Protein backbone atom coordinates (compact mmCIF):
# COMPACT_ATOMS: atom_id res chain seq x y z
CA MET A 1 -75.81 114.91 -136.42
CA ALA A 2 -72.36 115.80 -136.28
CA ALA A 3 -70.06 113.91 -138.66
CA THR A 4 -66.54 112.88 -138.04
CA VAL A 5 -63.30 112.56 -139.53
CA ALA A 6 -61.72 109.00 -139.70
CA THR A 7 -58.28 108.74 -139.98
CA PRO A 8 -56.40 106.16 -141.95
CA VAL A 9 -54.61 103.85 -139.69
CA THR A 10 -51.93 101.81 -141.02
CA PRO A 11 -51.58 98.22 -139.77
CA THR A 12 -48.52 97.47 -141.02
CA GLU A 13 -47.36 99.73 -137.99
CA LEU A 14 -46.39 97.79 -134.60
CA ASP A 15 -47.94 99.04 -132.12
CA HIS A 16 -45.11 98.00 -128.83
CA ASP A 17 -46.34 100.42 -126.62
CA ARG A 18 -50.39 100.13 -126.36
CA CYS A 19 -51.94 102.90 -124.53
CA GLY A 20 -55.21 101.68 -123.57
CA SER A 21 -57.29 105.66 -123.38
CA GLU A 22 -55.79 105.62 -127.47
CA GLU A 23 -57.25 101.95 -127.84
CA GLU A 24 -60.05 102.88 -126.34
CA THR A 25 -60.39 106.30 -128.39
CA ARG A 26 -59.65 104.50 -131.37
CA GLY A 27 -62.00 102.00 -130.35
CA ALA A 28 -65.14 104.45 -130.02
CA GLU A 29 -64.28 105.62 -133.73
CA VAL A 30 -64.96 102.63 -135.61
CA GLU A 31 -67.70 101.79 -133.28
CA GLU A 32 -69.13 105.07 -134.12
CA GLU A 33 -67.48 104.16 -137.89
CA ILE A 34 -69.94 101.32 -137.80
CA GLN A 35 -72.84 102.81 -136.56
CA GLN A 36 -72.53 105.53 -139.25
CA GLN A 37 -72.32 102.76 -142.19
CA GLN A 38 -75.15 100.75 -140.92
CA GLN A 39 -77.88 103.55 -140.85
CA GLN A 40 -76.77 104.30 -144.50
CA HIS A 41 -77.74 100.76 -144.94
CA THR A 42 -79.92 99.75 -142.86
CA GLY A 43 -81.79 102.85 -141.53
CA PRO A 44 -81.77 104.41 -137.01
CA ALA A 45 -84.13 102.25 -136.01
CA ALA A 46 -81.71 98.79 -137.20
CA ALA A 47 -78.71 100.38 -136.24
CA VAL A 48 -80.00 101.08 -132.33
CA THR A 49 -80.62 97.13 -132.42
CA HIS A 50 -78.09 95.69 -133.47
CA ASN A 51 -76.42 97.57 -131.14
CA ARG A 52 -75.16 94.83 -128.20
CA LEU A 53 -72.71 95.96 -125.25
CA ASN A 54 -71.02 92.71 -125.96
CA LYS A 55 -70.82 89.70 -128.80
CA LEU A 56 -69.82 86.56 -127.11
CA PRO A 57 -72.27 84.98 -125.45
CA LEU A 58 -73.06 85.48 -121.96
CA SER A 59 -74.37 81.73 -121.15
CA ARG A 60 -71.45 80.16 -122.96
CA ILE A 61 -68.53 82.52 -120.41
CA LYS A 62 -70.82 81.54 -117.29
CA THR A 63 -70.00 78.06 -118.05
CA LEU A 64 -67.30 77.91 -118.92
CA MET A 65 -65.94 80.44 -115.95
CA LYS A 66 -68.25 76.88 -113.70
CA THR A 67 -65.89 74.10 -115.12
CA ASP A 68 -63.16 75.95 -113.21
CA PRO A 69 -64.04 73.74 -109.90
CA ASP A 70 -62.80 77.33 -107.88
CA VAL A 71 -65.58 78.77 -109.28
CA SER A 72 -68.73 78.34 -107.36
CA LEU A 73 -70.64 81.11 -108.36
CA ALA A 74 -70.16 83.67 -110.81
CA SER A 75 -72.09 87.16 -110.91
CA GLN A 76 -73.31 88.80 -113.80
CA GLU A 77 -70.98 91.46 -114.01
CA SER A 78 -67.90 89.27 -113.62
CA VAL A 79 -69.40 87.43 -116.36
CA PHE A 80 -69.88 90.61 -118.35
CA ILE A 81 -66.20 91.67 -117.46
CA ILE A 82 -64.95 88.14 -118.73
CA ALA A 83 -66.86 88.53 -122.16
CA LYS A 84 -65.72 92.23 -122.60
CA ALA A 85 -61.88 90.99 -121.48
CA THR A 86 -61.97 88.12 -123.84
CA GLU A 87 -63.59 89.74 -126.89
CA LEU A 88 -60.95 93.10 -126.57
CA PHE A 89 -57.94 90.44 -126.36
CA VAL A 90 -58.83 88.32 -129.04
CA GLU A 91 -59.23 91.62 -131.05
CA MET A 92 -55.76 92.66 -130.70
CA ILE A 93 -54.60 89.38 -131.53
CA ALA A 94 -55.92 89.31 -134.80
CA LYS A 95 -55.17 92.34 -135.36
CA ASP A 96 -51.33 92.12 -135.01
CA ALA A 97 -51.90 88.76 -136.53
CA LEU A 98 -53.58 90.70 -139.79
CA VAL A 99 -50.31 92.70 -140.31
CA TYR A 100 -48.45 89.64 -140.73
CA ALA A 101 -51.59 88.24 -143.79
CA GLN A 102 -51.15 91.81 -144.92
CA GLN A 103 -47.67 91.07 -145.37
CA GLY A 104 -47.91 88.19 -147.08
CA LYS A 105 -50.65 89.50 -149.07
CA ARG A 106 -53.51 87.71 -147.83
CA LYS A 107 -56.70 88.70 -145.94
CA THR A 108 -57.27 85.57 -144.52
CA LEU A 109 -55.40 84.86 -140.91
CA GLN A 110 -53.43 81.57 -140.92
CA ARG A 111 -52.03 80.06 -138.07
CA LYS A 112 -48.22 81.04 -139.11
CA ASP A 113 -50.32 84.94 -138.57
CA LEU A 114 -51.03 84.09 -134.69
CA ASP A 115 -47.11 82.36 -134.53
CA ASN A 116 -46.11 85.24 -135.37
CA ALA A 117 -47.81 87.40 -133.56
CA ILE A 118 -47.34 85.91 -130.67
CA GLU A 119 -43.12 85.39 -131.20
CA ALA A 120 -42.70 88.95 -131.82
CA ILE A 121 -44.89 90.81 -129.47
CA ASP A 122 -44.01 90.53 -125.56
CA GLU A 123 -47.83 90.59 -124.69
CA PHE A 124 -48.75 87.77 -126.27
CA ALA A 125 -44.86 85.51 -124.11
CA PHE A 126 -47.67 83.96 -122.19
CA LEU A 127 -49.02 81.85 -124.99
CA GLU A 128 -45.68 80.28 -126.78
CA GLY A 129 -46.48 76.54 -127.36
CA THR A 130 -49.46 77.00 -126.84
CA LEU A 131 -50.55 75.79 -130.25
CA ASP A 132 -48.45 72.97 -130.55
């Protein structure tokens, strides 16, 4: 088994120039680290069974997609892609909001943390006013 060295990422640094390849690499490292921790705590067999490609229920995503009158059929691939994109979006905004929670010396995200992240980061400009 190869050992990996994880470099700590400081969440206080805002990354305005996001690069997809860096995020993918960082995400792969995090997933690898989680799998190693699971193997240490539960053994290799349990880690394999808990490894899923997505975390959101695909049936619920498909139901939400079909509420749009323009969508009559949704292929399995499209549902998976929408679910994965949603997971990545939620993860990204949660990480950015976590920075503001940590600045307030809190571990729990609050609405004001999300508001601050939405206001500060240009990628979330389309969300301004949605939490009101």
